[in-house]
Amino acid sequence: EEYEATDFCITLESKSGAGVSFYCSTQTGEDHRYVIGNVKSFASVEEKESVSSYNGPEFEDIDEKLQESFDELLAEVGVNAELCDFIDAMALDKEQREYIRWLRNVKDIMEK
């Protein structure tokens, strides 16, 4: 069976509205069930929500020590294999529900 990765975002922010967003994807494997694509930092809620703000460098281009620190931070807030399993299961469930809804819509259209 072919595995489909699920994209997800983890955002950590302070009371002031500053923070960081990790754009990730699930992957197969025992030890590391996700990869980080980009890490976006923001100084305010407005900057976080702005579509034109810089999304940060590719994760693999960041210094290795900083990569390790980000991985440790995500582990501390609960990003682990169980969470990735849950994200994949919810994405599959949503896909199935959307497909059933689509089938009902097509059926209604075809019967008119």
Foldseek 3Di string as FASTA:
>chain_A
DDDDKDWDKDWDDDPQAWTKIWIKIAPDDDFGGMDTFFIATDDHVCLVPDPPHDRHDGLVPDPPVVSVVVVVVCVVVPPGPVVRVVSSVVVVVVVVVVVVVVVVVVVVVVVD
